[in-house]
Amino acid sequence: MLRHIFIGPVLPGCSGDALSRVVDTLRELPGIVPWIRHLSVEKTLEWSGSQAVVLIAEFDSRADWEHYMHEPGHLALGDRIKSAIDLANMTVVQTNIADNRP
């Protein structure tokens, strides 16, 4: 399994309401991309020093992740959040998920 982690810093002047709308928008992903195994979307804590949205999506395979990365519905969400999230300074990483089953 594969874990995809997206950290999108907030643009200057972004309100808390706008950031909450970004979180709600990104939480639509499982309805658009049904091969997401698990999804978590949260905003950072106000006292953490930087405001951002953190998305963690899990996939069964690299092929599923690659399909997600090119999915038109996923890409369209980027257009919907770009007024609040600094996509030029986002961080995206992938990790393996250890299979700890016996």
N, C-alpha and C. Protein backbone atom coordinates (compact mmCIF):
# COMPACT_ATOMS: atom_id res chain seq x y z
N MET A 1 0.84 -1.18 0.00
CA MET A 1 0.00 0.00 0.00
C MET A 1 0.88 1.24 0.00
N LEU A 2 0.29 2.34 -0.44
CA LEU A 2 1.02 3.58 -0.60
C LEU A 2 0.25 4.71 0.08
N ARG A 3 0.98 5.58 0.74
CA ARG A 3 0.39 6.76 1.39
C ARG A 3 0.89 8.01 0.66
N HIS A 4 -0.05 8.86 0.28
CA HIS A 4 0.23 10.13 -0.41
C HIS A 4 -0.06 11.25 0.57
N ILE A 5 0.91 12.12 0.80
CA ILE A 5 0.77 13.20 1.77
C ILE A 5 0.95 14.54 1.04
N PHE A 6 -0.06 15.39 1.15
CA PHE A 6 -0.06 16.72 0.55
C PHE A 6 -0.15 17.74 1.66
N ILE A 7 0.77 18.69 1.66
CA ILE A 7 0.72 19.82 2.60
C ILE A 7 0.65 21.09 1.77
N GLY A 8 -0.49 21.78 1.88
CA GLY A 8 -0.71 23.00 1.11
C GLY A 8 -0.74 24.21 2.01
N PRO A 9 0.31 25.02 1.99
CA PRO A 9 0.31 26.23 2.83
C PRO A 9 -0.74 27.22 2.34
N VAL A 10 -1.25 27.98 3.28
CA VAL A 10 -2.29 28.97 3.00
C VAL A 10 -1.65 30.23 2.42
N LEU A 11 -2.33 30.82 1.44
CA LEU A 11 -1.88 32.09 0.89
C LEU A 11 -2.09 33.21 1.92
N PRO A 12 -1.26 34.23 1.89
CA PRO A 12 -1.46 35.36 2.82
C PRO A 12 -2.87 35.93 2.67
N GLY A 13 -3.47 36.25 3.81
CA GLY A 13 -4.81 36.84 3.81
C GLY A 13 -5.94 35.84 3.74
N CYS A 14 -5.62 34.57 3.66
CA CYS A 14 -6.67 33.54 3.62
C CYS A 14 -7.38 33.49 4.96
N SER A 15 -8.70 33.55 4.94
CA SER A 15 -9.48 33.52 6.18
C SER A 15 -9.67 32.09 6.68
N GLY A 16 -10.03 31.97 7.92
CA GLY A 16 -10.33 30.66 8.49
C GLY A 16 -11.51 30.00 7.78
N ASP A 17 -12.50 30.80 7.38
CA ASP A 17 -13.64 30.26 6.65
C ASP A 17 -13.22 29.71 5.29
N ALA A 18 -12.35 30.44 4.60
CA ALA A 18 -11.87 29.99 3.30
C ALA A 18 -11.08 28.69 3.45
N LEU A 19 -10.30 28.59 4.50
CA LEU A 19 -9.53 27.37 4.74
C LEU A 19 -10.46 26.20 5.06
N SER A 20 -11.50 26.45 5.80
CA SER A 20 -12.49 25.39 6.09
C SER A 20 -13.17 24.93 4.81
N ARG A 21 -13.43 25.84 3.87
CA ARG A 21 -14.03 25.46 2.59
C ARG A 21 -13.07 24.59 1.78
N VAL A 22 -11.77 24.88 1.87
CA VAL A 22 -10.78 24.04 1.18
C VAL A 22 -10.82 22.63 1.75
N VAL A 23 -10.86 22.51 3.07
CA VAL A 23 -10.94 21.18 3.70
C VAL A 23 -12.18 20.45 3.21
N ASP A 24 -13.32 21.12 3.20
CA ASP A 24 -14.57 20.50 2.74
C ASP A 24 -14.46 20.08 1.27
N THR A 25 -13.85 20.91 0.46
CA THR A 25 -13.67 20.59 -0.96
C THR A 25 -12.82 19.34 -1.13
N LEU A 26 -11.69 19.27 -0.42
CA LEU A 26 -10.81 18.12 -0.56
C LEU A 26 -11.44 16.84 -0.02
N ARG A 27 -12.33 16.97 0.93
CA ARG A 27 -13.01 15.79 1.46
C ARG A 27 -13.99 15.19 0.46
N GLU A 28 -14.21 15.86 -0.66
CA GLU A 28 -15.04 15.32 -1.74
C GLU A 28 -14.31 14.26 -2.55
N LEU A 29 -13.00 14.16 -2.39
CA LEU A 29 -12.19 13.27 -3.24
C LEU A 29 -12.67 11.82 -3.31
N PRO A 30 -13.04 11.17 -2.21
CA PRO A 30 -13.47 9.77 -2.35
C PRO A 30 -14.68 9.59 -3.27
N GLY A 31 -15.53 10.58 -3.38
CA GLY A 31 -16.65 10.50 -4.31
C GLY A 31 -16.23 10.66 -5.76
N ILE A 32 -15.08 11.30 -5.97
CA ILE A 32 -14.55 11.54 -7.31
C ILE A 32 -13.57 10.44 -7.70
N VAL A 33 -12.80 9.98 -6.73
CA VAL A 33 -11.73 9.00 -6.95
C VAL A 33 -12.00 7.81 -6.03
N PRO A 34 -12.84 6.87 -6.48
CA PRO A 34 -13.27 5.78 -5.59
C PRO A 34 -12.17 4.80 -5.20
N TRP A 35 -11.03 4.82 -5.87
CA TRP A 35 -9.96 3.89 -5.49
C TRP A 35 -9.07 4.43 -4.39
N ILE A 36 -9.44 5.56 -3.78
CA ILE A 36 -8.77 5.99 -2.56
C ILE A 36 -9.21 5.06 -1.45
N ARG A 37 -8.28 4.37 -0.82
CA ARG A 37 -8.59 3.40 0.24
C ARG A 37 -9.01 4.13 1.53
N HIS A 38 -8.30 5.21 1.85
CA HIS A 38 -8.59 5.99 3.06
C HIS A 38 -8.16 7.43 2.81
N LEU A 39 -8.92 8.39 3.35
CA LEU A 39 -8.59 9.80 3.17
C LEU A 39 -8.75 10.54 4.49
N SER A 40 -7.80 11.41 4.78
CA SER A 40 -7.86 12.31 5.92
C SER A 40 -7.48 13.70 5.43
N VAL A 41 -8.29 14.70 5.75
CA VAL A 41 -7.98 16.08 5.39
C VAL A 41 -8.23 16.94 6.62
N GLU A 42 -7.22 17.69 7.02
CA GLU A 42 -7.32 18.55 8.20
C GLU A 42 -6.57 19.84 7.93
N LYS A 43 -6.89 20.87 8.70
CA LYS A 43 -6.08 22.08 8.67
C LYS A 43 -5.17 22.05 9.89
N THR A 44 -4.03 22.72 9.77
CA THR A 44 -3.09 22.74 10.88
C THR A 44 -3.69 23.55 12.03
N LEU A 45 -3.18 23.29 13.21
CA LEU A 45 -3.63 24.02 14.39
C LEU A 45 -3.16 25.47 14.29
N GLU A 46 -3.99 26.39 14.73
CA GLU A 46 -3.65 27.81 14.61
C GLU A 46 -2.35 28.15 15.31
N TRP A 47 -2.04 27.49 16.42
CA TRP A 47 -0.83 27.81 17.17
C TRP A 47 0.40 27.07 16.66
N SER A 48 0.28 26.30 15.57
CA SER A 48 1.40 25.49 15.09
C SER A 48 2.48 26.29 14.37
N GLY A 49 2.22 27.56 14.10
CA GLY A 49 3.24 28.38 13.47
C GLY A 49 3.04 28.60 11.99
N SER A 50 2.33 27.72 11.32
CA SER A 50 2.03 27.93 9.91
C SER A 50 0.67 27.33 9.61
N GLN A 51 -0.10 28.04 8.79
CA GLN A 51 -1.40 27.52 8.43
C GLN A 51 -1.29 26.76 7.12
N ALA A 52 -1.89 25.59 7.09
CA ALA A 52 -1.85 24.76 5.90
C ALA A 52 -2.98 23.74 5.97
N VAL A 53 -3.22 23.11 4.84
CA VAL A 53 -4.11 21.96 4.76
C VAL A 53 -3.22 20.74 4.59
N VAL A 54 -3.54 19.69 5.33
CA VAL A 54 -2.80 18.44 5.23
C VAL A 54 -3.76 17.35 4.78
N LEU A 55 -3.45 16.73 3.65
CA LEU A 55 -4.25 15.65 3.09
C LEU A 55 -3.42 14.39 3.09
N ILE A 56 -3.98 13.31 3.58
CA ILE A 56 -3.32 12.01 3.54
C ILE A 56 -4.28 11.05 2.86
N ALA A 57 -3.86 10.50 1.74
CA ALA A 57 -4.67 9.54 1.00
C ALA A 57 -3.89 8.23 0.89
N GLU A 58 -4.59 7.13 1.05
CA GLU A 58 -3.95 5.82 0.95
C GLU A 58 -4.51 5.07 -0.25
N PHE A 59 -3.61 4.36 -0.93
CA PHE A 59 -3.95 3.63 -2.15
C PHE A 59 -3.40 2.21 -2.05
N ASP A 60 -4.05 1.29 -2.75
CA ASP A 60 -3.60 -0.10 -2.75
C ASP A 60 -2.32 -0.30 -3.55
N SER A 61 -2.10 0.56 -4.55
CA SER A 61 -0.95 0.34 -5.43
C SER A 61 -0.46 1.66 -6.03
N ARG A 62 0.72 1.60 -6.58
CA ARG A 62 1.26 2.76 -7.28
C ARG A 62 0.39 3.09 -8.49
N ALA A 63 -0.12 2.08 -9.16
CA ALA A 63 -0.98 2.31 -10.32
C ALA A 63 -2.24 3.09 -9.92
N ASP A 64 -2.82 2.75 -8.76
CA ASP A 64 -3.99 3.50 -8.28
C ASP A 64 -3.61 4.95 -7.99
N TRP A 65 -2.45 5.17 -7.38
CA TRP A 65 -1.99 6.53 -7.09
C TRP A 65 -1.76 7.31 -8.38
N GLU A 66 -1.10 6.68 -9.36
CA GLU A 66 -0.85 7.35 -10.64
C GLU A 66 -2.17 7.71 -11.33
N HIS A 67 -3.13 6.83 -11.26
CA HIS A 67 -4.45 7.10 -11.83
C HIS A 67 -5.06 8.32 -11.13
N TYR A 68 -4.96 8.38 -9.82
CA TYR A 68 -5.45 9.50 -9.01
C TYR A 68 -4.78 10.81 -9.44
N MET A 69 -3.47 10.78 -9.64
CA MET A 69 -2.73 11.99 -9.97
C MET A 69 -3.14 12.57 -11.32
N HIS A 70 -3.69 11.75 -12.21
CA HIS A 70 -4.10 12.21 -13.54
C HIS A 70 -5.62 12.28 -13.70
N GLU A 71 -6.34 11.96 -12.65
CA GLU A 71 -7.80 11.97 -12.69
C GLU A 71 -8.30 13.40 -12.89
N PRO A 72 -9.08 13.68 -13.95
CA PRO A 72 -9.57 15.04 -14.19
C PRO A 72 -10.33 15.64 -13.00
N GLY A 73 -11.11 14.86 -12.29
CA GLY A 73 -11.84 15.38 -11.14
C GLY A 73 -10.90 15.83 -10.02
N HIS A 74 -9.83 15.09 -9.82
CA HIS A 74 -8.82 15.47 -8.82
C HIS A 74 -8.14 16.77 -9.24
N LEU A 75 -7.76 16.85 -10.51
CA LEU A 75 -7.10 18.05 -11.01
C LEU A 75 -8.03 19.27 -10.93
N ALA A 76 -9.31 19.07 -11.16
CA ALA A 76 -10.27 20.17 -11.07
C ALA A 76 -10.37 20.72 -9.65
N LEU A 77 -10.18 19.85 -8.65
CA LEU A 77 -10.19 20.33 -7.27
C LEU A 77 -9.05 21.32 -7.02
N GLY A 78 -7.92 21.10 -7.69
CA GLY A 78 -6.81 22.03 -7.57
C GLY A 78 -7.20 23.43 -8.00
N ASP A 79 -7.99 23.50 -9.06
CA ASP A 79 -8.47 24.81 -9.52
C ASP A 79 -9.40 25.45 -8.49
N ARG A 80 -10.16 24.63 -7.77
CA ARG A 80 -11.11 25.15 -6.79
C ARG A 80 -10.44 25.64 -5.51
N ILE A 81 -9.23 25.17 -5.22
CA ILE A 81 -8.57 25.57 -3.97
C ILE A 81 -7.44 26.57 -4.17
N LYS A 82 -7.09 26.87 -5.42
CA LYS A 82 -5.90 27.69 -5.67
C LYS A 82 -6.04 29.13 -5.21
N SER A 83 -7.24 29.60 -4.90
CA SER A 83 -7.37 30.97 -4.40
C SER A 83 -7.02 31.05 -2.91
N ALA A 84 -6.91 29.90 -2.24
CA ALA A 84 -6.61 29.88 -0.80
C ALA A 84 -5.29 29.18 -0.48
N ILE A 85 -4.87 28.26 -1.33
CA ILE A 85 -3.69 27.44 -1.06
C ILE A 85 -2.56 27.82 -2.01
N ASP A 86 -1.37 27.97 -1.47
CA ASP A 86 -0.18 28.32 -2.25
C ASP A 86 0.36 27.05 -2.90
N LEU A 87 -0.20 26.71 -4.05
CA LEU A 87 0.18 25.47 -4.72
C LEU A 87 1.63 25.49 -5.19
N ALA A 88 2.20 26.66 -5.40
CA ALA A 88 3.61 26.75 -5.81
C ALA A 88 4.55 26.30 -4.69
N ASN A 89 4.08 26.35 -3.45
CA ASN A 89 4.92 25.97 -2.31
C ASN A 89 4.40 24.75 -1.57
N MET A 90 3.57 23.97 -2.22
CA MET A 90 3.04 22.77 -1.58
C MET A 90 4.14 21.73 -1.45
N THR A 91 3.92 20.79 -0.55
CA THR A 91 4.80 19.64 -0.38
C THR A 91 3.98 18.39 -0.65
N VAL A 92 4.51 17.50 -1.46
CA VAL A 92 3.84 16.24 -1.75
C VAL A 92 4.88 15.13 -1.64
N VAL A 93 4.57 14.12 -0.83
CA VAL A 93 5.45 12.97 -0.68
C VAL A 93 4.62 11.69 -0.67
N GLN A 94 5.25 10.61 -0.99
CA GLN A 94 4.63 9.30 -0.93
C GLN A 94 5.48 8.39 -0.03
N THR A 95 4.81 7.56 0.73
CA THR A 95 5.51 6.59 1.58
C THR A 95 4.84 5.23 1.41
N ASN A 96 5.56 4.20 1.74
CA ASN A 96 4.97 2.87 1.81
C ASN A 96 4.22 2.73 3.12
N ILE A 97 3.20 1.94 3.11
CA ILE A 97 2.48 1.59 4.34
C ILE A 97 2.86 0.16 4.66
N ALA A 98 3.48 -0.04 5.80
CA ALA A 98 3.89 -1.38 6.19
C ALA A 98 2.68 -2.27 6.37
N ASP A 99 2.77 -3.47 5.87
CA ASP A 99 1.71 -4.46 6.04
C ASP A 99 2.06 -5.27 7.30
N ASN A 100 1.44 -4.92 8.41
CA ASN A 100 1.75 -5.56 9.69
C ASN A 100 0.83 -6.72 10.02
N ARG A 101 0.10 -7.18 9.03
CA ARG A 101 -0.80 -8.31 9.29
C ARG A 101 0.00 -9.59 9.45
N PRO A 102 -0.44 -10.49 10.33
CA PRO A 102 0.28 -11.76 10.52
C PRO A 102 0.23 -12.64 9.31
